[in-house]
Amino acid sequence: WRIDCPRIPGSFTGTGDVTASLLLGHLAKHPDNLPLVMEKVINTMYVLIERTHQTKGETVQSKELKLIQSKDVIESPPTTYKAVRV
């Protein structure tokens, strides 16, 4: 499976931890649907990184993912980017 999405430039704090958490949570709900799980994780992460990038400054704190501000996306991920079988 593969999901293509645009690259957002920069370095952001917490991406690995949040990706792992989302992956485990969605796998628990959809254990037999890896493409759906991947879509939910990638789409959520994309919005989190995009929102963080839009408000990013030069401090480490400003590069931390905007989790609280993105509660809506975490609970209900968009379906912008789709998984494609390779």
N, C-alpha and C. Protein backbone atom coordinates (compact mmCIF):
# COMPACT_ATOMS: atom_id res chain seq x y z
N TRP A 1 0.84 -1.18 0.00
CA TRP A 1 0.00 0.00 0.00
C TRP A 1 0.87 1.23 0.00
N ARG A 2 0.34 2.31 -0.60
CA ARG A 2 1.08 3.56 -0.69
C ARG A 2 0.09 4.72 -0.62
N ILE A 3 0.51 5.78 0.05
CA ILE A 3 -0.28 7.01 0.10
C ILE A 3 0.64 8.16 -0.25
N ASP A 4 0.29 8.89 -1.30
CA ASP A 4 1.06 10.07 -1.70
C ASP A 4 0.37 11.32 -1.19
N CYS A 5 1.17 12.22 -0.64
CA CYS A 5 0.66 13.53 -0.22
C CYS A 5 1.80 14.53 -0.32
N PRO A 6 1.47 15.81 -0.42
CA PRO A 6 2.54 16.82 -0.54
C PRO A 6 3.41 16.85 0.72
N ARG A 7 4.66 17.21 0.52
CA ARG A 7 5.59 17.34 1.63
C ARG A 7 5.46 18.72 2.25
N ILE A 8 5.41 18.77 3.57
CA ILE A 8 5.40 20.04 4.29
C ILE A 8 6.80 20.23 4.85
N PRO A 9 7.48 21.31 4.45
CA PRO A 9 8.87 21.49 4.90
C PRO A 9 8.95 21.79 6.39
N GLY A 10 10.03 21.34 7.00
CA GLY A 10 10.26 21.66 8.40
C GLY A 10 10.47 20.44 9.25
N SER A 11 10.74 20.71 10.49
CA SER A 11 10.95 19.67 11.50
C SER A 11 9.99 19.95 12.64
N PHE A 12 9.26 18.92 13.06
CA PHE A 12 8.21 19.11 14.04
C PHE A 12 8.36 18.12 15.19
N THR A 13 8.06 18.56 16.38
CA THR A 13 8.23 17.74 17.58
C THR A 13 6.98 16.90 17.84
N GLY A 14 7.17 15.60 18.05
CA GLY A 14 6.06 14.73 18.43
C GLY A 14 5.46 13.91 17.31
N THR A 15 5.99 14.02 16.10
CA THR A 15 5.38 13.30 14.98
C THR A 15 5.44 11.79 15.14
N GLY A 16 6.54 11.28 15.62
CA GLY A 16 6.67 9.82 15.79
C GLY A 16 5.73 9.28 16.85
N ASP A 17 5.66 9.97 17.98
CA ASP A 17 4.78 9.53 19.07
C ASP A 17 3.32 9.55 18.65
N VAL A 18 2.92 10.63 17.97
CA VAL A 18 1.52 10.74 17.55
C VAL A 18 1.19 9.72 16.47
N THR A 19 2.11 9.51 15.54
CA THR A 19 1.89 8.51 14.48
C THR A 19 1.70 7.12 15.10
N ALA A 20 2.56 6.76 16.03
CA ALA A 20 2.46 5.45 16.68
C ALA A 20 1.14 5.32 17.43
N SER A 21 0.74 6.36 18.13
CA SER A 21 -0.52 6.33 18.89
C SER A 21 -1.72 6.18 17.97
N LEU A 22 -1.73 6.96 16.90
CA LEU A 22 -2.84 6.86 15.94
C LEU A 22 -2.89 5.49 15.30
N LEU A 23 -1.73 4.98 14.92
CA LEU A 23 -1.66 3.66 14.28
C LEU A 23 -2.23 2.58 15.20
N LEU A 24 -1.81 2.57 16.45
CA LEU A 24 -2.31 1.57 17.39
C LEU A 24 -3.81 1.71 17.64
N GLY A 25 -4.26 2.95 17.80
CA GLY A 25 -5.69 3.18 18.04
C GLY A 25 -6.56 2.75 16.89
N HIS A 26 -6.16 3.12 15.67
CA HIS A 26 -6.97 2.75 14.50
C HIS A 26 -6.87 1.27 14.18
N LEU A 27 -5.71 0.67 14.43
CA LEU A 27 -5.59 -0.79 14.22
C LEU A 27 -6.49 -1.56 15.18
N ALA A 28 -6.65 -1.05 16.39
CA ALA A 28 -7.53 -1.71 17.36
C ALA A 28 -8.98 -1.68 16.89
N LYS A 29 -9.37 -0.59 16.23
CA LYS A 29 -10.76 -0.46 15.74
C LYS A 29 -10.98 -1.18 14.41
N HIS A 30 -9.93 -1.24 13.58
CA HIS A 30 -10.05 -1.82 12.23
C HIS A 30 -8.90 -2.80 11.98
N PRO A 31 -8.83 -3.91 12.72
CA PRO A 31 -7.68 -4.80 12.62
C PRO A 31 -7.49 -5.47 11.26
N ASP A 32 -8.53 -5.55 10.47
CA ASP A 32 -8.44 -6.23 9.17
C ASP A 32 -8.47 -5.27 7.99
N ASN A 33 -8.22 -3.98 8.24
CA ASN A 33 -8.32 -3.00 7.16
C ASN A 33 -7.13 -2.04 7.19
N LEU A 34 -5.96 -2.54 6.83
CA LEU A 34 -4.74 -1.75 6.85
C LEU A 34 -4.84 -0.50 5.97
N PRO A 35 -5.40 -0.55 4.76
CA PRO A 35 -5.50 0.67 3.95
C PRO A 35 -6.28 1.78 4.65
N LEU A 36 -7.38 1.43 5.29
CA LEU A 36 -8.18 2.42 6.01
C LEU A 36 -7.39 3.01 7.17
N VAL A 37 -6.70 2.16 7.90
CA VAL A 37 -5.88 2.62 9.03
C VAL A 37 -4.81 3.58 8.54
N MET A 38 -4.13 3.23 7.47
CA MET A 38 -3.10 4.10 6.91
C MET A 38 -3.69 5.44 6.49
N GLU A 39 -4.84 5.43 5.86
CA GLU A 39 -5.48 6.67 5.42
C GLU A 39 -5.81 7.56 6.62
N LYS A 40 -6.36 6.98 7.67
CA LYS A 40 -6.70 7.76 8.86
C LYS A 40 -5.46 8.37 9.49
N VAL A 41 -4.39 7.59 9.60
CA VAL A 41 -3.16 8.09 10.21
C VAL A 41 -2.53 9.19 9.35
N ILE A 42 -2.36 8.93 8.07
CA ILE A 42 -1.71 9.91 7.19
C ILE A 42 -2.52 11.19 7.10
N ASN A 43 -3.83 11.09 6.94
CA ASN A 43 -4.65 12.29 6.83
C ASN A 43 -4.65 13.10 8.11
N THR A 44 -4.69 12.44 9.25
CA THR A 44 -4.63 13.14 10.53
C THR A 44 -3.27 13.83 10.69
N MET A 45 -2.20 13.09 10.43
CA MET A 45 -0.86 13.66 10.57
C MET A 45 -0.64 14.83 9.63
N TYR A 46 -1.17 14.73 8.42
CA TYR A 46 -0.99 15.82 7.46
C TYR A 46 -1.61 17.11 8.00
N VAL A 47 -2.83 17.03 8.51
CA VAL A 47 -3.49 18.22 9.03
C VAL A 47 -2.75 18.74 10.27
N LEU A 48 -2.33 17.84 11.16
CA LEU A 48 -1.59 18.27 12.35
C LEU A 48 -0.31 19.02 11.96
N ILE A 49 0.43 18.47 11.03
CA ILE A 49 1.68 19.10 10.60
C ILE A 49 1.39 20.41 9.87
N GLU A 50 0.37 20.41 9.04
CA GLU A 50 0.02 21.62 8.30
C GLU A 50 -0.37 22.76 9.24
N ARG A 51 -1.20 22.47 10.23
CA ARG A 51 -1.61 23.49 11.20
C ARG A 51 -0.41 23.99 12.01
N THR A 52 0.47 23.08 12.38
CA THR A 52 1.66 23.47 13.13
C THR A 52 2.57 24.32 12.26
N HIS A 53 2.73 23.94 11.02
CA HIS A 53 3.58 24.68 10.09
C HIS A 53 3.09 26.12 9.89
N GLN A 54 1.78 26.29 9.83
CA GLN A 54 1.21 27.62 9.61
C GLN A 54 1.50 28.58 10.75
N THR A 55 1.72 28.06 11.95
CA THR A 55 1.96 28.92 13.12
C THR A 55 3.38 28.77 13.67
N LYS A 56 4.23 28.08 12.92
CA LYS A 56 5.57 27.76 13.39
C LYS A 56 6.45 28.99 13.53
N GLY A 57 7.17 29.05 14.64
CA GLY A 57 8.15 30.09 14.85
C GLY A 57 9.54 29.47 14.91
N GLU A 58 10.43 30.09 15.61
CA GLU A 58 11.81 29.60 15.70
C GLU A 58 12.09 28.81 16.97
N THR A 59 11.18 28.81 17.93
CA THR A 59 11.42 28.11 19.18
C THR A 59 11.01 26.64 19.06
N VAL A 60 11.58 25.82 19.92
CA VAL A 60 11.22 24.39 19.94
C VAL A 60 9.74 24.23 20.27
N GLN A 61 9.25 25.02 21.19
CA GLN A 61 7.85 24.94 21.60
C GLN A 61 6.90 25.23 20.42
N SER A 62 7.28 26.13 19.55
CA SER A 62 6.42 26.48 18.42
C SER A 62 6.37 25.38 17.37
N LYS A 63 7.28 24.42 17.46
CA LYS A 63 7.33 23.31 16.51
C LYS A 63 6.61 22.06 17.03
N GLU A 64 6.05 22.17 18.24
CA GLU A 64 5.28 21.06 18.79
C GLU A 64 3.93 20.98 18.09
N LEU A 65 3.50 19.77 17.77
CA LEU A 65 2.24 19.59 17.04
C LEU A 65 1.07 20.22 17.78
N LYS A 66 0.18 20.82 17.04
CA LYS A 66 -1.01 21.48 17.59
C LYS A 66 -2.09 20.44 17.87
N LEU A 67 -1.88 19.65 18.91
CA LEU A 67 -2.80 18.55 19.22
C LEU A 67 -4.15 19.05 19.74
N ILE A 68 -4.12 19.93 20.71
CA ILE A 68 -5.37 20.42 21.30
C ILE A 68 -6.20 21.13 20.23
N GLN A 69 -5.54 21.93 19.42
CA GLN A 69 -6.24 22.68 18.38
C GLN A 69 -6.75 21.78 17.26
N SER A 70 -6.30 20.54 17.24
CA SER A 70 -6.68 19.60 16.17
C SER A 70 -7.50 18.43 16.68
N LYS A 71 -8.11 18.58 17.83
CA LYS A 71 -8.94 17.51 18.40
C LYS A 71 -9.99 17.02 17.41
N ASP A 72 -10.58 17.95 16.67
CA ASP A 72 -11.61 17.58 15.70
C ASP A 72 -11.09 16.63 14.64
N VAL A 73 -9.88 16.87 14.16
CA VAL A 73 -9.28 16.04 13.12
C VAL A 73 -8.86 14.68 13.67
N ILE A 74 -8.37 14.66 14.90
CA ILE A 74 -7.96 13.40 15.52
C ILE A 74 -9.17 12.50 15.71
N GLU A 75 -10.29 13.07 16.11
CA GLU A 75 -11.50 12.29 16.34
C GLU A 75 -12.19 11.88 15.04
N SER A 76 -12.07 12.71 14.02
CA SER A 76 -12.74 12.43 12.75
C SER A 76 -11.82 12.83 11.59
N PRO A 77 -10.89 11.95 11.23
CA PRO A 77 -9.91 12.28 10.19
C PRO A 77 -10.55 12.55 8.83
N PRO A 78 -9.98 13.50 8.09
CA PRO A 78 -10.47 13.74 6.73
C PRO A 78 -10.10 12.57 5.82
N THR A 79 -10.60 12.57 4.61
CA THR A 79 -10.30 11.50 3.66
C THR A 79 -9.66 12.06 2.40
N THR A 80 -8.74 12.99 2.58
CA THR A 80 -8.11 13.67 1.45
C THR A 80 -7.21 12.75 0.66
N TYR A 81 -6.36 12.00 1.34
CA TYR A 81 -5.37 11.15 0.67
C TYR A 81 -5.76 9.69 0.84
N LYS A 82 -5.74 8.94 -0.26
CA LYS A 82 -6.21 7.56 -0.28
C LYS A 82 -5.06 6.58 -0.47
N ALA A 83 -5.21 5.41 0.12
CA ALA A 83 -4.24 4.33 -0.03
C ALA A 83 -4.44 3.66 -1.39
N VAL A 84 -3.32 3.38 -2.04
CA VAL A 84 -3.34 2.71 -3.34
C VAL A 84 -2.51 1.45 -3.23
N ARG A 85 -3.03 0.37 -3.73
CA ARG A 85 -2.28 -0.91 -3.72
C ARG A 85 -1.11 -0.80 -4.70
N VAL A 86 0.07 -1.24 -4.25
CA VAL A 86 1.24 -1.24 -5.13
C VAL A 86 1.70 -2.66 -5.43
